[in-house]
């Protein structure tokens, strides 16, 4: 997704709807992953939690959930960007029984008031037992 930095940008509380689009509150959904209370059980849930991390500005979680071989040293947010919706387009593997998987998604945003979309087919693997983002599928 886009560049991010460590401060949170939106006023999402634990009772707010989760940005990832699932019907739970942020605290009962992606917030638990962000705070380290739980690990994403599938590649899709990790994808959703990473989207939510972009939406709330949680660069620490994004870096923590990135594969050690492809993780950047830092992330910077794109000024004026706000994430507005996530669509999961499909997935392969990535279940509790797999060690790798892909998730195709479309992430909607506004940048300086103009709508935009980022579409990607992302690759995920397990690293030390946890799902992590690797890179876009070529």
N, C-alpha and C. Protein backbone atom coordinates (compact mmCIF):
# COMPACT_ATOMS: atom_id res chain seq x y z
N UNK A 1 0.84 -1.17 0.00
CA UNK A 1 0.00 0.00 0.00
C UNK A 1 0.88 1.22 0.00
N UNK A 2 0.43 2.27 0.52
CA UNK A 2 1.19 3.50 0.44
C UNK A 2 2.12 3.67 1.63
N UNK A 3 2.92 4.68 1.61
CA UNK A 3 3.86 4.94 2.69
C UNK A 3 3.12 5.37 3.94
N UNK A 4 3.65 4.99 5.11
CA UNK A 4 3.01 5.31 6.39
C UNK A 4 4.02 5.66 7.46
N UNK A 5 3.64 6.44 8.46
CA UNK A 5 4.49 6.67 9.62
C UNK A 5 3.74 6.30 10.89
N UNK A 6 4.41 6.33 12.02
CA UNK A 6 3.96 5.65 13.22
C UNK A 6 2.77 6.26 13.94
N UNK A 7 2.40 7.49 13.73
CA UNK A 7 1.29 8.02 14.51
C UNK A 7 -0.04 7.65 13.88
N UNK A 8 -1.02 7.39 14.73
CA UNK A 8 -2.35 7.04 14.25
C UNK A 8 -3.02 8.29 13.67
N UNK A 9 -3.78 8.09 12.59
CA UNK A 9 -4.33 9.25 11.88
C UNK A 9 -5.83 9.39 12.02
N UNK A 10 -6.54 8.37 12.43
CA UNK A 10 -7.98 8.46 12.49
C UNK A 10 -8.46 8.16 13.89
N UNK A 11 -9.64 8.64 14.20
CA UNK A 11 -10.21 8.45 15.53
C UNK A 11 -11.05 7.18 15.55
N UNK A 12 -10.41 6.05 15.41
CA UNK A 12 -11.11 4.77 15.49
C UNK A 12 -10.92 4.25 16.90
N UNK A 13 -12.03 3.95 17.58
CA UNK A 13 -11.97 3.40 18.93
C UNK A 13 -12.24 1.90 18.86
N UNK A 14 -12.06 1.22 19.97
CA UNK A 14 -12.30 -0.23 19.99
C UNK A 14 -13.75 -0.57 19.69
N UNK A 15 -14.67 0.38 19.89
CA UNK A 15 -16.09 0.14 19.60
C UNK A 15 -16.49 0.52 18.18
N UNK A 16 -15.61 1.17 17.44
CA UNK A 16 -15.90 1.58 16.06
C UNK A 16 -16.01 0.35 15.16
N UNK A 17 -16.74 0.46 14.05
CA UNK A 17 -16.72 -0.64 13.07
C UNK A 17 -15.29 -0.87 12.59
N UNK A 18 -14.93 -2.11 12.37
CA UNK A 18 -13.57 -2.40 11.92
C UNK A 18 -13.39 -1.92 10.48
N UNK A 19 -12.29 -1.23 10.18
CA UNK A 19 -12.04 -0.76 8.81
C UNK A 19 -11.96 -1.88 7.78
N UNK A 20 -11.63 -3.10 8.21
CA UNK A 20 -11.43 -4.20 7.27
C UNK A 20 -12.72 -4.66 6.61
N UNK A 21 -13.87 -4.24 7.12
CA UNK A 21 -15.14 -4.58 6.51
C UNK A 21 -15.87 -5.76 7.13
N UNK A 22 -15.24 -6.48 8.04
CA UNK A 22 -15.94 -7.57 8.73
C UNK A 22 -16.90 -6.96 9.74
N UNK A 23 -17.94 -7.70 10.14
CA UNK A 23 -19.01 -7.10 10.95
C UNK A 23 -18.70 -6.92 12.44
N UNK A 24 -17.47 -7.09 12.88
CA UNK A 24 -17.14 -6.88 14.28
C UNK A 24 -16.64 -5.46 14.52
N UNK A 25 -16.56 -5.12 15.80
CA UNK A 25 -15.96 -3.84 16.15
C UNK A 25 -14.45 -3.94 15.94
N UNK A 26 -13.79 -2.80 15.83
CA UNK A 26 -12.35 -2.77 15.66
C UNK A 26 -11.65 -3.52 16.80
N UNK A 27 -12.10 -3.32 18.04
CA UNK A 27 -11.49 -3.98 19.19
C UNK A 27 -11.62 -5.49 19.17
N UNK A 28 -12.72 -5.99 18.62
CA UNK A 28 -12.95 -7.44 18.56
C UNK A 28 -12.42 -8.06 17.27
N UNK A 29 -11.95 -7.25 16.36
CA UNK A 29 -11.48 -7.74 15.06
C UNK A 29 -9.99 -7.44 14.93
N UNK A 30 -9.63 -6.51 14.11
CA UNK A 30 -8.22 -6.21 13.82
C UNK A 30 -7.48 -5.56 14.98
N UNK A 31 -8.19 -4.87 15.86
CA UNK A 31 -7.54 -4.23 16.99
C UNK A 31 -6.78 -5.21 17.86
N UNK A 32 -7.31 -6.42 18.03
CA UNK A 32 -6.62 -7.44 18.81
C UNK A 32 -5.31 -7.86 18.19
N UNK A 33 -5.26 -7.92 16.86
CA UNK A 33 -4.01 -8.24 16.16
C UNK A 33 -3.02 -7.09 16.31
N UNK A 34 -3.51 -5.87 16.13
CA UNK A 34 -2.65 -4.69 16.22
C UNK A 34 -2.01 -4.57 17.60
N UNK A 35 -2.78 -4.89 18.63
CA UNK A 35 -2.30 -4.76 20.00
C UNK A 35 -1.52 -5.98 20.47
N UNK A 36 -1.41 -7.01 19.63
CA UNK A 36 -0.64 -8.20 19.99
C UNK A 36 -1.38 -9.18 20.88
N UNK A 37 -2.70 -9.01 21.03
CA UNK A 37 -3.48 -9.94 21.86
C UNK A 37 -3.76 -11.24 21.13
N UNK A 38 -3.63 -11.24 19.81
CA UNK A 38 -3.90 -12.43 19.00
C UNK A 38 -3.09 -12.33 17.71
N UNK A 39 -2.95 -13.46 17.03
CA UNK A 39 -2.30 -13.52 15.72
C UNK A 39 -3.35 -13.84 14.67
N UNK A 40 -3.20 -13.29 13.49
CA UNK A 40 -4.13 -13.57 12.39
C UNK A 40 -4.08 -15.07 12.06
N UNK A 41 -5.23 -15.76 12.06
CA UNK A 41 -5.23 -17.20 11.83
C UNK A 41 -5.10 -17.61 10.37
N UNK A 42 -5.36 -16.69 9.45
CA UNK A 42 -5.30 -16.99 8.02
C UNK A 42 -4.63 -15.83 7.29
N UNK A 43 -4.22 -16.10 6.06
CA UNK A 43 -3.62 -15.05 5.24
C UNK A 43 -4.63 -13.93 4.97
N UNK A 44 -5.90 -14.30 4.73
CA UNK A 44 -6.90 -13.25 4.49
C UNK A 44 -7.09 -12.36 5.71
N UNK A 45 -7.14 -12.94 6.89
CA UNK A 45 -7.30 -12.12 8.10
C UNK A 45 -6.07 -11.22 8.29
N UNK A 46 -4.88 -11.72 7.94
CA UNK A 46 -3.70 -10.85 8.02
C UNK A 46 -3.83 -9.72 7.01
N UNK A 47 -4.28 -10.02 5.79
CA UNK A 47 -4.47 -8.97 4.78
C UNK A 47 -5.44 -7.92 5.31
N UNK A 48 -6.56 -8.36 5.87
CA UNK A 48 -7.55 -7.43 6.41
C UNK A 48 -6.95 -6.59 7.54
N UNK A 49 -6.17 -7.24 8.41
CA UNK A 49 -5.59 -6.50 9.55
C UNK A 49 -4.55 -5.50 9.06
N UNK A 50 -3.84 -5.83 8.01
CA UNK A 50 -2.86 -4.88 7.46
C UNK A 50 -3.57 -3.69 6.83
N UNK A 51 -4.66 -3.95 6.12
CA UNK A 51 -5.45 -2.83 5.58
C UNK A 51 -5.91 -1.92 6.73
N UNK A 52 -6.44 -2.54 7.79
CA UNK A 52 -6.90 -1.75 8.94
C UNK A 52 -5.75 -0.97 9.56
N UNK A 53 -4.55 -1.54 9.58
CA UNK A 53 -3.39 -0.83 10.11
C UNK A 53 -3.08 0.41 9.27
N UNK A 54 -3.23 0.30 7.95
CA UNK A 54 -3.07 1.48 7.11
C UNK A 54 -4.14 2.50 7.45
N UNK A 55 -5.38 2.03 7.65
CA UNK A 55 -6.49 2.95 7.92
C UNK A 55 -6.31 3.69 9.24
N UNK A 56 -5.75 3.04 10.25
CA UNK A 56 -5.58 3.70 11.55
C UNK A 56 -4.17 4.25 11.75
N UNK A 57 -3.27 4.00 10.81
CA UNK A 57 -1.92 4.54 10.89
C UNK A 57 -1.00 3.79 11.82
N UNK A 58 -1.13 2.48 11.88
CA UNK A 58 -0.31 1.65 12.78
C UNK A 58 0.88 1.07 12.02
N UNK A 59 1.91 1.89 11.84
CA UNK A 59 3.11 1.46 11.11
C UNK A 59 3.84 0.34 11.84
N UNK A 60 3.82 0.34 13.16
CA UNK A 60 4.52 -0.70 13.93
C UNK A 60 3.94 -2.07 13.59
N UNK A 61 2.62 -2.18 13.51
CA UNK A 61 2.01 -3.46 13.17
C UNK A 61 2.36 -3.85 11.73
N UNK A 62 2.32 -2.90 10.83
CA UNK A 62 2.65 -3.20 9.44
C UNK A 62 4.06 -3.77 9.32
N UNK A 63 5.00 -3.18 10.01
CA UNK A 63 6.37 -3.68 9.97
C UNK A 63 6.49 -5.04 10.65
N UNK A 64 5.79 -5.22 11.76
CA UNK A 64 5.82 -6.49 12.50
C UNK A 64 5.22 -7.63 11.68
N UNK A 65 4.27 -7.32 10.82
CA UNK A 65 3.57 -8.35 10.04
C UNK A 65 4.13 -8.50 8.62
N UNK A 66 5.33 -7.97 8.39
CA UNK A 66 6.01 -8.01 7.09
C UNK A 66 7.14 -9.03 7.18
N UNK A 67 7.34 -9.83 6.16
CA UNK A 67 8.39 -10.85 6.15
C UNK A 67 9.75 -10.20 6.35
N UNK A 68 10.60 -10.83 7.14
CA UNK A 68 11.91 -10.25 7.47
C UNK A 68 12.79 -10.01 6.24
N UNK A 69 12.61 -10.81 5.18
CA UNK A 69 13.45 -10.65 3.98
C UNK A 69 13.01 -9.50 3.09
N UNK A 70 11.76 -9.04 3.22
CA UNK A 70 11.26 -7.98 2.34
C UNK A 70 10.81 -6.74 3.10
N UNK A 71 10.90 -6.74 4.40
CA UNK A 71 10.43 -5.64 5.25
C UNK A 71 11.31 -4.40 5.06
N UNK A 72 10.70 -3.24 4.84
CA UNK A 72 11.49 -2.00 4.77
C UNK A 72 11.93 -1.59 6.18
N UNK A 73 12.89 -0.72 6.26
CA UNK A 73 13.37 -0.24 7.56
C UNK A 73 12.34 0.64 8.24
N UNK A 74 11.62 1.44 7.46
CA UNK A 74 10.61 2.36 8.01
C UNK A 74 9.46 2.48 7.03
N UNK A 75 8.37 3.05 7.50
CA UNK A 75 7.22 3.38 6.65
C UNK A 75 6.83 4.82 6.90
N UNK A 76 6.40 5.49 5.87
CA UNK A 76 5.91 6.86 5.98
C UNK A 76 4.53 6.94 5.35
N UNK A 77 3.58 7.57 6.05
CA UNK A 77 2.25 7.76 5.48
C UNK A 77 2.31 8.76 4.34
N UNK A 78 1.45 8.57 3.38
CA UNK A 78 1.24 9.53 2.31
C UNK A 78 0.37 10.65 2.90
N UNK A 79 0.86 11.88 2.96
CA UNK A 79 0.04 12.96 3.51
C UNK A 79 -1.26 13.12 2.72
N UNK A 80 -2.35 13.31 3.43
CA UNK A 80 -3.63 13.54 2.78
C UNK A 80 -4.34 12.29 2.31
N UNK A 81 -3.81 11.08 2.62
CA UNK A 81 -4.45 9.85 2.16
C UNK A 81 -5.31 9.27 3.28
N UNK A 82 -6.52 8.83 2.89
CA UNK A 82 -7.45 8.20 3.83
C UNK A 82 -8.00 6.94 3.17
N UNK A 83 -7.86 5.79 3.85
CA UNK A 83 -8.34 4.51 3.32
C UNK A 83 -9.83 4.41 3.59
N UNK A 84 -10.62 4.06 2.57
CA UNK A 84 -12.07 4.14 2.68
C UNK A 84 -12.82 2.84 2.47
N UNK A 85 -12.16 1.78 2.05
CA UNK A 85 -12.87 0.51 1.89
C UNK A 85 -11.98 -0.57 1.31
N UNK A 86 -12.30 -1.82 1.65
CA UNK A 86 -11.53 -2.96 1.20
C UNK A 86 -12.44 -4.00 0.58
N UNK A 87 -12.04 -4.51 -0.57
CA UNK A 87 -12.73 -5.63 -1.22
C UNK A 87 -11.73 -6.77 -1.34
N UNK A 88 -12.10 -7.96 -0.89
CA UNK A 88 -11.31 -9.16 -1.10
C UNK A 88 -11.82 -9.79 -2.40
N UNK A 89 -10.94 -9.95 -3.37
CA UNK A 89 -11.33 -10.44 -4.69
C UNK A 89 -11.15 -11.95 -4.82
N UNK A 90 -10.28 -12.54 -4.01
CA UNK A 90 -10.06 -13.97 -4.07
C UNK A 90 -8.82 -14.34 -3.28
N UNK A 91 -8.66 -15.65 -3.07
CA UNK A 91 -7.48 -16.11 -2.33
C UNK A 91 -7.16 -17.54 -2.73
N UNK A 92 -5.92 -17.93 -2.48
CA UNK A 92 -5.49 -19.32 -2.65
C UNK A 92 -4.72 -19.70 -1.40
N UNK A 93 -4.90 -20.93 -0.92
CA UNK A 93 -4.21 -21.38 0.28
C UNK A 93 -4.50 -20.45 1.43
N UNK A 94 -3.52 -20.29 2.32
CA UNK A 94 -3.63 -19.30 3.38
C UNK A 94 -4.48 -19.68 4.57
N UNK A 95 -4.92 -20.94 4.66
CA UNK A 95 -5.74 -21.34 5.80
C UNK A 95 -4.86 -21.74 6.97
N UNK A 96 -5.48 -22.14 8.05
CA UNK A 96 -4.74 -22.61 9.22
C UNK A 96 -3.91 -23.85 8.90
N UNK A 97 -4.22 -24.53 7.80
CA UNK A 97 -3.51 -25.76 7.43
C UNK A 97 -2.43 -25.54 6.38
N UNK A 98 -2.28 -24.31 5.88
CA UNK A 98 -1.31 -24.00 4.84
C UNK A 98 -0.09 -23.27 5.41
N UNK A 99 0.97 -23.24 4.62
CA UNK A 99 2.16 -22.47 5.00
C UNK A 99 2.37 -21.28 4.07
N UNK A 100 1.56 -21.18 3.02
CA UNK A 100 1.62 -20.02 2.13
C UNK A 100 0.25 -19.79 1.53
N UNK A 101 0.06 -18.60 1.00
CA UNK A 101 -1.20 -18.26 0.38
C UNK A 101 -1.12 -16.92 -0.31
N UNK A 102 -2.14 -16.63 -1.10
CA UNK A 102 -2.24 -15.33 -1.75
C UNK A 102 -3.63 -14.76 -1.47
N UNK A 103 -3.70 -13.44 -1.47
CA UNK A 103 -4.97 -12.74 -1.31
C UNK A 103 -5.00 -11.60 -2.31
N UNK A 104 -5.98 -11.63 -3.20
CA UNK A 104 -6.18 -10.54 -4.15
C UNK A 104 -7.18 -9.56 -3.53
N UNK A 105 -6.86 -8.28 -3.61
CA UNK A 105 -7.73 -7.28 -2.99
C UNK A 105 -7.76 -6.01 -3.81
N UNK A 106 -8.75 -5.21 -3.49
CA UNK A 106 -8.88 -3.85 -4.03
C UNK A 106 -9.10 -2.94 -2.82
N UNK A 107 -8.20 -2.00 -2.60
CA UNK A 107 -8.29 -1.08 -1.47
C UNK A 107 -8.61 0.31 -2.01
N UNK A 108 -9.67 0.90 -1.49
CA UNK A 108 -10.12 2.22 -1.92
C UNK A 108 -9.60 3.28 -0.95
N UNK A 109 -9.28 4.44 -1.50
CA UNK A 109 -8.77 5.54 -0.68
C UNK A 109 -9.13 6.86 -1.33
N UNK A 110 -8.93 7.92 -0.55
CA UNK A 110 -8.93 9.26 -1.12
C UNK A 110 -7.56 9.85 -0.81
N UNK A 111 -7.04 10.60 -1.74
CA UNK A 111 -5.77 11.29 -1.57
C UNK A 111 -6.00 12.74 -1.92
N UNK A 112 -5.86 13.59 -0.91
CA UNK A 112 -6.16 15.01 -1.08
C UNK A 112 -7.54 15.21 -1.69
N UNK A 113 -8.51 14.39 -1.22
CA UNK A 113 -9.90 14.52 -1.64
C UNK A 113 -10.26 13.81 -2.93
N UNK A 114 -9.29 13.27 -3.65
CA UNK A 114 -9.54 12.58 -4.91
C UNK A 114 -9.59 11.07 -4.67
N UNK A 115 -10.61 10.38 -5.21
CA UNK A 115 -10.70 8.92 -5.00
C UNK A 115 -9.62 8.17 -5.78
N UNK A 116 -9.21 7.05 -5.21
CA UNK A 116 -8.24 6.19 -5.86
C UNK A 116 -8.45 4.75 -5.43
N UNK A 117 -7.73 3.85 -6.08
CA UNK A 117 -7.82 2.43 -5.74
C UNK A 117 -6.46 1.79 -5.93
N UNK A 118 -6.14 0.87 -5.05
CA UNK A 118 -4.94 0.06 -5.19
C UNK A 118 -5.39 -1.39 -5.27
N UNK A 119 -4.97 -2.08 -6.31
CA UNK A 119 -5.31 -3.48 -6.50
C UNK A 119 -4.02 -4.29 -6.49
N UNK A 120 -4.04 -5.42 -5.77
CA UNK A 120 -2.84 -6.23 -5.65
C UNK A 120 -3.23 -7.67 -5.35
N UNK A 121 -2.40 -8.58 -5.79
CA UNK A 121 -2.48 -9.98 -5.39
C UNK A 121 -1.26 -10.20 -4.51
N UNK A 122 -1.46 -10.29 -3.21
CA UNK A 122 -0.37 -10.33 -2.24
C UNK A 122 -0.01 -11.75 -1.85
N UNK A 123 1.27 -11.96 -1.60
CA UNK A 123 1.77 -13.28 -1.18
C UNK A 123 2.06 -13.25 0.31
N UNK A 124 1.64 -14.32 1.00
CA UNK A 124 1.83 -14.47 2.43
C UNK A 124 2.44 -15.83 2.72
N UNK A 125 3.26 -15.89 3.73
CA UNK A 125 3.84 -17.16 4.19
C UNK A 125 3.85 -17.14 5.72
N UNK A 126 4.11 -18.30 6.28
CA UNK A 126 4.30 -18.37 7.72
C UNK A 126 5.79 -18.19 8.02
N UNK A 127 6.07 -17.31 8.96
CA UNK A 127 7.43 -17.09 9.43
C UNK A 127 7.39 -17.26 10.94
N UNK A 128 8.13 -18.23 11.46
CA UNK A 128 8.11 -18.55 12.88
C UNK A 128 6.68 -18.80 13.37
N UNK A 129 5.89 -19.49 12.52
CA UNK A 129 4.53 -19.87 12.86
C UNK A 129 3.47 -18.81 12.64
N UNK A 130 3.85 -17.59 12.31
CA UNK A 130 2.90 -16.48 12.12
C UNK A 130 2.76 -16.15 10.65
N UNK A 131 1.55 -15.78 10.23
CA UNK A 131 1.35 -15.29 8.88
C UNK A 131 2.03 -13.94 8.74
N UNK A 132 2.76 -13.74 7.64
CA UNK A 132 3.38 -12.44 7.34
C UNK A 132 3.22 -12.15 5.85
N UNK A 133 3.18 -10.87 5.54
CA UNK A 133 3.13 -10.40 4.15
C UNK A 133 4.53 -10.50 3.56
N UNK A 134 4.62 -11.00 2.32
CA UNK A 134 5.92 -11.10 1.64
C UNK A 134 6.05 -10.00 0.58
N UNK A 135 5.19 -10.05 -0.45
CA UNK A 135 5.29 -9.12 -1.55
C UNK A 135 4.12 -9.34 -2.50
N UNK A 136 3.98 -8.47 -3.51
CA UNK A 136 2.96 -8.69 -4.53
C UNK A 136 3.34 -9.89 -5.39
N UNK A 137 2.34 -10.64 -5.84
CA UNK A 137 2.58 -11.74 -6.77
C UNK A 137 2.93 -11.11 -8.12
N UNK A 138 3.99 -11.59 -8.72
CA UNK A 138 4.44 -11.01 -10.00
C UNK A 138 3.52 -11.38 -11.14
